Amino acid sequence: MMTSWFDSPAEAGERLAAVDYLADDGIATSVFLAAALGKPLLVEGPAGVGKTQLAKAVAEAAGAELIRLQCYEGLDEARALYEWNYKKQLLRIQASGERAWEETHDDIFTEEFLLERPLLKAIRRTGPTVLLIDETDKADVEVEGLLLEILSDYQVTVPELGTIAATRLPYVVLTSNATRELSEALKRRCLYLHLDYPTPERERDIVLARVPGIEAALAERLARTVATLRALELKKSPSIAETIDWARTLLALGRAELDEATTAGTLGVVLKHASDHARAVKELGLPAR
């Protein structure tokens, strides 16, 4: 079983804050329980609210290695779990000459020719490991079946090598943007945490933590401006990371306040569609450029 990486939800929150991830009570409790119970943590919410960053922060706070499986349409078992190094195997077969196939077969299906992918790599590690299965909703349903098998027993059967079981359970974080509904079977195996965009006050605190040198008043104005932008009907709302980038942009430009001209001139940091620019300029009454 996995032993808890954190002594309490409060300690989890403190250690996350130490690596500049400001977690509220709900997040800190979920992070603690996922470790204490040895269960995967499914983090769902819109893009840009800090789901991936949470997994990275847990790894950094715990001194663990982060292993990431980026999901996408068409992801298969070979890319997620393991595959054989076919080119190297072919060279070995060619070099074996007249040897019997039975002997050659035993030579080429060994550890030397096994290519670990994220899931197998995370299971085989003996040190503390955070396995991030990112954007799970983008993968095909077949991949969910593979995840169910892995997350149920934390073991993998490689026909040529036998069953490989985890000696130390990884801390597993699955993220989803909710573009499609994940199966109930997968959800049952996980703790669930929903993340939304932070309040302006919390986003101000995030900016102050992540952008050294920024004045509190400017961070406050930035956070409230971003909140206003998110309330508009945009193709893509600004992420927390883009808010941080905007703060760094203002520092790089030497701007001490976010006036209308500065806002209009730097909107490209947070808005990435021409229609979103036009809507923001109109709704915020910004000067056209």
Protein backbone atom coordinates (compact mmCIF):
# COMPACT_ATOMS: atom_id res chain seq x y z
CA MET A 1 0.00 0.00 0.00
CA MET A 2 0.98 3.61 -0.50
CA THR A 3 1.89 5.43 2.69
CA SER A 4 0.69 8.99 2.99
CA TRP A 5 3.00 11.58 1.55
CA PHE A 6 1.43 14.25 3.75
CA ASP A 7 0.57 14.16 7.45
CA SER A 8 -2.65 16.14 7.06
CA PRO A 9 -4.60 18.29 4.60
CA ALA A 10 -3.13 21.37 6.29
CA GLU A 11 0.40 20.12 5.73
CA ALA A 12 -0.42 19.30 2.10
CA GLY A 13 -1.63 22.87 1.62
CA GLU A 14 1.49 24.30 3.27
CA ARG A 15 3.84 22.20 1.16
CA LEU A 16 2.01 23.08 -2.03
CA ALA A 17 2.18 26.77 -1.08
CA ALA A 18 5.93 26.36 -0.57
CA VAL A 19 6.22 25.51 -4.28
CA ASP A 20 3.93 28.42 -5.22
CA TYR A 21 0.71 26.45 -5.71
CA LEU A 22 -1.95 28.10 -3.57
CA ALA A 23 -4.45 25.38 -2.70
CA ASP A 24 -7.75 26.01 -0.95
CA ASP A 25 -9.07 23.59 1.68
CA GLY A 26 -10.84 21.42 -0.88
CA ILE A 27 -7.75 20.98 -3.03
CA ALA A 28 -5.48 20.32 -0.05
CA THR A 29 -7.89 17.73 1.35
CA SER A 30 -8.16 15.92 -2.00
CA VAL A 31 -4.38 15.88 -2.43
CA PHE A 32 -3.94 14.44 1.06
CA LEU A 33 -6.64 11.79 0.67
CA ALA A 34 -5.38 10.58 -2.71
CA ALA A 35 -2.06 9.75 -1.04
CA ALA A 36 -3.53 8.44 2.21
CA LEU A 37 -6.01 6.12 0.47
CA GLY A 38 -3.76 5.17 -2.43
CA LYS A 39 -6.42 6.19 -4.96
CA PRO A 40 -6.03 8.10 -8.24
CA LEU A 41 -7.18 11.71 -8.19
CA LEU A 42 -9.36 12.77 -11.13
CA VAL A 43 -9.14 16.54 -11.57
CA GLU A 44 -11.76 17.98 -13.91
CA GLY A 45 -12.45 21.52 -15.08
CA PRO A 46 -12.02 23.96 -17.95
CA ALA A 47 -8.67 24.40 -19.65
CA GLY A 48 -6.27 26.71 -17.87
CA VAL A 49 -7.39 26.36 -14.25
CA GLY A 50 -4.22 24.66 -13.00
CA LYS A 51 -5.04 20.94 -13.24
CA THR A 52 -1.71 19.91 -14.79
CA GLN A 53 0.14 22.35 -12.55
CA LEU A 54 -1.39 20.67 -9.50
CA ALA A 55 0.24 17.34 -10.43
CA LYS A 56 3.56 19.09 -11.02
CA ALA A 57 3.27 20.86 -7.67
CA VAL A 58 2.52 17.60 -5.83
CA ALA A 59 5.64 16.04 -7.37
CA GLU A 60 7.78 19.04 -6.44
CA ALA A 61 6.34 19.27 -2.92
CA ALA A 62 6.96 15.56 -2.30
CA GLY A 63 10.36 15.37 -3.98
CA ALA A 64 8.96 12.80 -6.44
CA GLU A 65 9.66 12.18 -10.11
CA LEU A 66 6.88 13.31 -12.44
CA ILE A 67 6.00 10.91 -15.27
CA ARG A 68 3.49 12.29 -17.77
CA LEU A 69 1.25 10.47 -20.22
CA GLN A 70 -0.21 13.04 -22.62
CA CYS A 71 -3.47 11.69 -24.00
CA TYR A 72 -4.66 12.33 -27.53
CA GLU A 73 -6.96 10.77 -30.11
CA GLY A 74 -5.28 7.66 -31.48
CA LEU A 75 -3.12 6.97 -28.42
CA ASP A 76 -2.59 3.23 -28.22
CA GLU A 77 -1.18 0.67 -25.81
CA ALA A 78 2.26 0.74 -27.43
CA ARG A 79 2.63 4.46 -26.74
CA ALA A 80 1.05 4.36 -23.29
CA LEU A 81 2.41 1.12 -21.83
CA TYR A 82 5.33 -0.52 -23.65
CA GLU A 83 6.56 -1.73 -27.00
CA TRP A 84 9.46 -3.74 -28.33
CA ASN A 85 12.45 -2.18 -30.07
CA TYR A 86 11.78 -3.83 -33.41
CA LYS A 87 14.80 -2.38 -35.22
CA LYS A 88 17.16 -3.64 -32.54
CA GLN A 89 15.45 -7.02 -32.55
CA LEU A 90 15.83 -7.27 -36.32
CA LEU A 91 19.55 -6.55 -36.07
CA ARG A 92 19.89 -9.28 -33.44
CA ILE A 93 18.02 -11.75 -35.67
CA GLN A 94 20.26 -10.90 -38.62
CA ALA A 95 23.34 -11.31 -36.47
CA SER A 96 22.20 -14.69 -35.14
CA GLY A 97 22.88 -16.34 -38.48
CA GLU A 98 21.89 -19.99 -38.56
CA ARG A 99 20.78 -20.27 -34.93
CA ALA A 100 17.44 -21.92 -34.29
CA TRP A 101 14.47 -19.53 -34.01
CA GLU A 102 13.64 -20.83 -30.54
CA GLU A 103 17.02 -19.69 -29.27
CA THR A 104 16.86 -16.36 -31.07
CA HIS A 105 13.32 -15.73 -29.79
CA ASP A 106 14.49 -16.06 -26.20
CA ASP A 107 17.29 -13.57 -26.90
CA ILE A 108 15.22 -10.79 -28.46
CA PHE A 109 12.30 -10.71 -26.01
CA THR A 110 14.30 -9.56 -22.99
CA GLU A 111 14.70 -6.37 -20.96
CA GLU A 112 17.36 -5.21 -23.41
CA PHE A 113 14.74 -4.78 -26.14
CA LEU A 114 11.83 -3.47 -24.03
CA LEU A 115 10.88 0.19 -24.49
CA GLU A 116 9.09 1.52 -21.41
CA ARG A 117 6.29 4.01 -21.95
CA PRO A 118 4.86 6.18 -19.14
CA LEU A 119 2.47 3.67 -17.54
CA LEU A 120 5.00 0.84 -17.30
CA LYS A 121 7.77 3.22 -16.27
CA ALA A 122 5.66 4.57 -13.39
CA ILE A 123 4.77 1.07 -12.19
CA ARG A 124 8.38 -0.12 -12.21
CA ARG A 125 9.87 2.80 -10.32
CA THR A 126 10.88 2.15 -6.74
CA GLY A 127 11.20 5.80 -5.76
CA PRO A 128 8.34 8.25 -5.11
CA THR A 129 6.54 8.87 -8.39
CA VAL A 130 3.68 11.08 -9.55
CA LEU A 131 2.00 9.68 -12.67
CA LEU A 132 0.15 12.41 -14.55
CA ILE A 133 -2.37 11.14 -17.10
CA ASP A 134 -3.09 14.44 -18.80
CA GLU A 135 -6.27 15.29 -20.72
CA THR A 136 -7.73 11.82 -20.29
CA ASP A 137 -10.91 12.87 -22.09
CA LYS A 138 -8.96 13.26 -25.36
CA ALA A 139 -8.03 9.56 -25.46
CA ASP A 140 -10.17 6.89 -27.07
CA VAL A 141 -12.47 4.67 -25.01
CA GLU A 142 -10.06 1.75 -25.50
CA VAL A 143 -7.41 3.63 -23.55
CA GLU A 144 -9.86 3.99 -20.66
CA GLY A 145 -10.07 0.20 -20.59
CA LEU A 146 -6.28 0.01 -20.33
CA LEU A 147 -6.28 2.58 -17.52
CA LEU A 148 -8.95 0.62 -15.66
CA GLU A 149 -6.77 -2.47 -15.76
CA ILE A 150 -3.63 -0.62 -14.66
CA LEU A 151 -5.28 1.42 -11.90
CA SER A 152 -7.13 -1.59 -10.47
CA ASP A 153 -4.11 -3.79 -9.73
CA TYR A 154 -1.07 -1.61 -10.53
CA GLN A 155 0.47 -4.41 -12.50
CA VAL A 156 1.19 -5.15 -16.14
CA THR A 157 1.52 -8.50 -17.88
CA VAL A 158 4.13 -8.64 -20.61
CA PRO A 159 3.57 -12.05 -22.21
CA GLU A 160 7.26 -12.61 -22.88
CA LEU A 161 8.41 -11.46 -19.42
CA GLY A 162 5.49 -12.25 -17.12
CA THR A 163 3.59 -10.02 -14.69
CA ILE A 164 5.26 -6.85 -13.48
CA ALA A 165 3.67 -5.53 -10.26
CA ALA A 166 4.34 -2.19 -8.62
CA THR A 167 6.54 -2.39 -5.54
CA ARG A 168 5.60 1.19 -4.65
CA LEU A 169 2.31 2.65 -5.83
CA PRO A 170 2.64 5.87 -7.83
CA TYR A 171 0.59 8.90 -6.89
CA VAL A 172 -1.78 9.14 -9.87
CA VAL A 173 -3.41 12.33 -11.15
CA LEU A 174 -5.80 12.19 -14.11
CA THR A 175 -6.92 15.46 -15.67
CA SER A 176 -9.94 16.10 -17.86
CA ASN A 177 -11.30 19.18 -19.60
CA ALA A 178 -14.72 17.47 -19.71
CA THR A 179 -14.88 17.54 -23.51
CA ARG A 180 -16.46 14.08 -23.21
CA GLU A 181 -17.83 12.10 -20.29
CA LEU A 182 -15.43 9.58 -18.80
CA SER A 183 -16.77 6.13 -17.98
CA GLU A 184 -18.41 5.53 -14.63
CA ALA A 185 -16.08 2.57 -14.09
CA LEU A 186 -13.03 4.81 -14.33
CA LYS A 187 -14.59 7.46 -12.11
CA ARG A 188 -15.39 4.87 -9.43
CA ARG A 189 -11.70 4.10 -9.04
CA CYS A 190 -10.81 7.75 -8.45
CA LEU A 191 -11.30 10.53 -5.99
CA TYR A 192 -12.88 13.50 -7.76
CA LEU A 193 -11.87 17.15 -7.64
CA HIS A 194 -13.44 19.88 -9.73
CA LEU A 195 -11.34 22.97 -10.39
CA ASP A 196 -12.75 26.23 -11.72
CA TYR A 197 -11.17 29.60 -12.35
CA PRO A 198 -10.10 31.19 -9.07
CA THR A 199 -11.71 34.21 -7.51
CA PRO A 200 -9.99 37.52 -8.28
CA GLU A 201 -8.62 37.58 -4.73
CA ARG A 202 -7.08 34.14 -5.03
CA GLU A 203 -5.72 34.84 -8.52
CA ARG A 204 -4.15 38.04 -7.16
CA ASP A 205 -2.40 35.96 -4.51
CA ILE A 206 -1.24 33.49 -7.17
CA VAL A 207 0.26 36.32 -9.21
CA LEU A 208 2.01 37.73 -6.15
CA ALA A 209 3.46 34.29 -5.38
CA ARG A 210 4.57 33.50 -8.92
CA VAL A 211 5.77 36.92 -10.11
CA PRO A 212 8.38 38.40 -7.76
CA GLY A 213 8.55 42.16 -7.80
CA ILE A 214 5.00 42.92 -8.88
CA GLU A 215 3.10 45.43 -6.78
CA ALA A 216 -0.01 44.21 -4.97
CA ALA A 217 -2.19 46.93 -6.53
CA LEU A 218 -1.13 45.92 -10.05
CA ALA A 219 -1.73 42.23 -9.29
CA GLU A 220 -5.18 43.15 -8.00
CA ARG A 221 -6.02 45.11 -11.15
CA LEU A 222 -4.74 42.32 -13.35
CA ALA A 223 -6.81 39.68 -11.58
CA ARG A 224 -9.99 41.75 -11.78
CA THR A 225 -9.42 42.55 -15.46
CA VAL A 226 -8.91 38.87 -16.26
CA ALA A 227 -12.10 38.01 -14.34
CA THR A 228 -13.96 40.57 -16.48
CA LEU A 229 -12.54 39.03 -19.66
CA ARG A 230 -13.62 35.55 -18.58
CA ALA A 231 -17.17 36.82 -18.12
CA LEU A 232 -17.31 37.69 -21.82
CA GLU A 233 -18.39 35.16 -24.47
CA LEU A 234 -14.90 34.32 -25.70
CA LYS A 235 -13.63 31.44 -27.81
CA LYS A 236 -10.90 30.88 -25.24
CA SER A 237 -10.89 32.37 -21.76
CA PRO A 238 -7.52 33.41 -20.29
CA SER A 239 -5.81 30.69 -18.25
CA ILE A 240 -4.12 31.27 -14.91
CA ALA A 241 -0.77 30.74 -16.65
CA GLU A 242 -1.66 33.52 -19.11
CA THR A 243 -2.54 35.83 -16.23
CA ILE A 244 0.94 35.16 -14.83
CA ASP A 245 2.45 35.81 -18.27
CA TRP A 246 0.55 39.11 -18.42
CA ALA A 247 1.99 40.14 -15.08
CA ARG A 248 5.51 39.30 -16.27
CA THR A 249 4.85 41.20 -19.48
CA LEU A 250 3.96 44.36 -17.55
CA LEU A 251 7.12 44.04 -15.47
CA ALA A 252 9.22 43.55 -18.61
CA LEU A 253 7.67 46.70 -20.09
CA GLY A 254 8.21 48.64 -16.89
CA ARG A 255 4.49 49.40 -16.50
CA ALA A 256 3.33 50.15 -12.98
CA GLU A 257 -0.38 50.23 -13.77
CA LEU A 258 -2.81 48.60 -16.16
CA ASP A 259 -4.43 51.55 -17.90
CA GLU A 260 -6.56 51.34 -21.03
CA ALA A 261 -3.67 51.88 -23.46
CA THR A 262 -1.52 49.24 -21.74
CA THR A 263 -4.42 46.79 -21.64
CA ALA A 264 -5.14 47.25 -25.34
CA GLY A 265 -1.45 46.96 -26.24
CA THR A 266 -0.86 43.72 -24.37
CA LEU A 267 -4.13 41.82 -24.89
CA GLY A 268 -2.27 39.38 -27.12
CA VAL A 269 -0.73 37.84 -24.03
CA VAL A 270 -4.09 36.57 -22.78
CA LEU A 271 -6.41 36.54 -25.81
CA LYS A 272 -5.41 34.39 -28.77
CA HIS A 273 -8.31 34.90 -31.22
CA ALA A 274 -9.01 38.02 -33.30
CA SER A 275 -12.73 37.83 -32.46
CA ASP A 276 -11.89 37.75 -28.74
CA HIS A 277 -9.71 40.84 -29.16
CA ALA A 278 -12.52 42.66 -30.92
CA ARG A 279 -15.07 41.71 -28.27
CA ALA A 280 -12.76 42.74 -25.42
CA VAL A 281 -11.97 46.10 -27.02
CA LYS A 282 -15.68 46.76 -27.51
CA GLU A 283 -16.89 45.55 -24.11
CA LEU A 284 -14.09 47.17 -22.09
CA GLY A 285 -14.14 50.40 -24.09
CA LEU A 286 -10.46 50.11 -25.00
CA PRO A 287 -8.80 52.24 -27.68
CA ALA A 288 -8.69 50.48 -31.05
CA ARG A 289 -5.25 49.60 -32.37
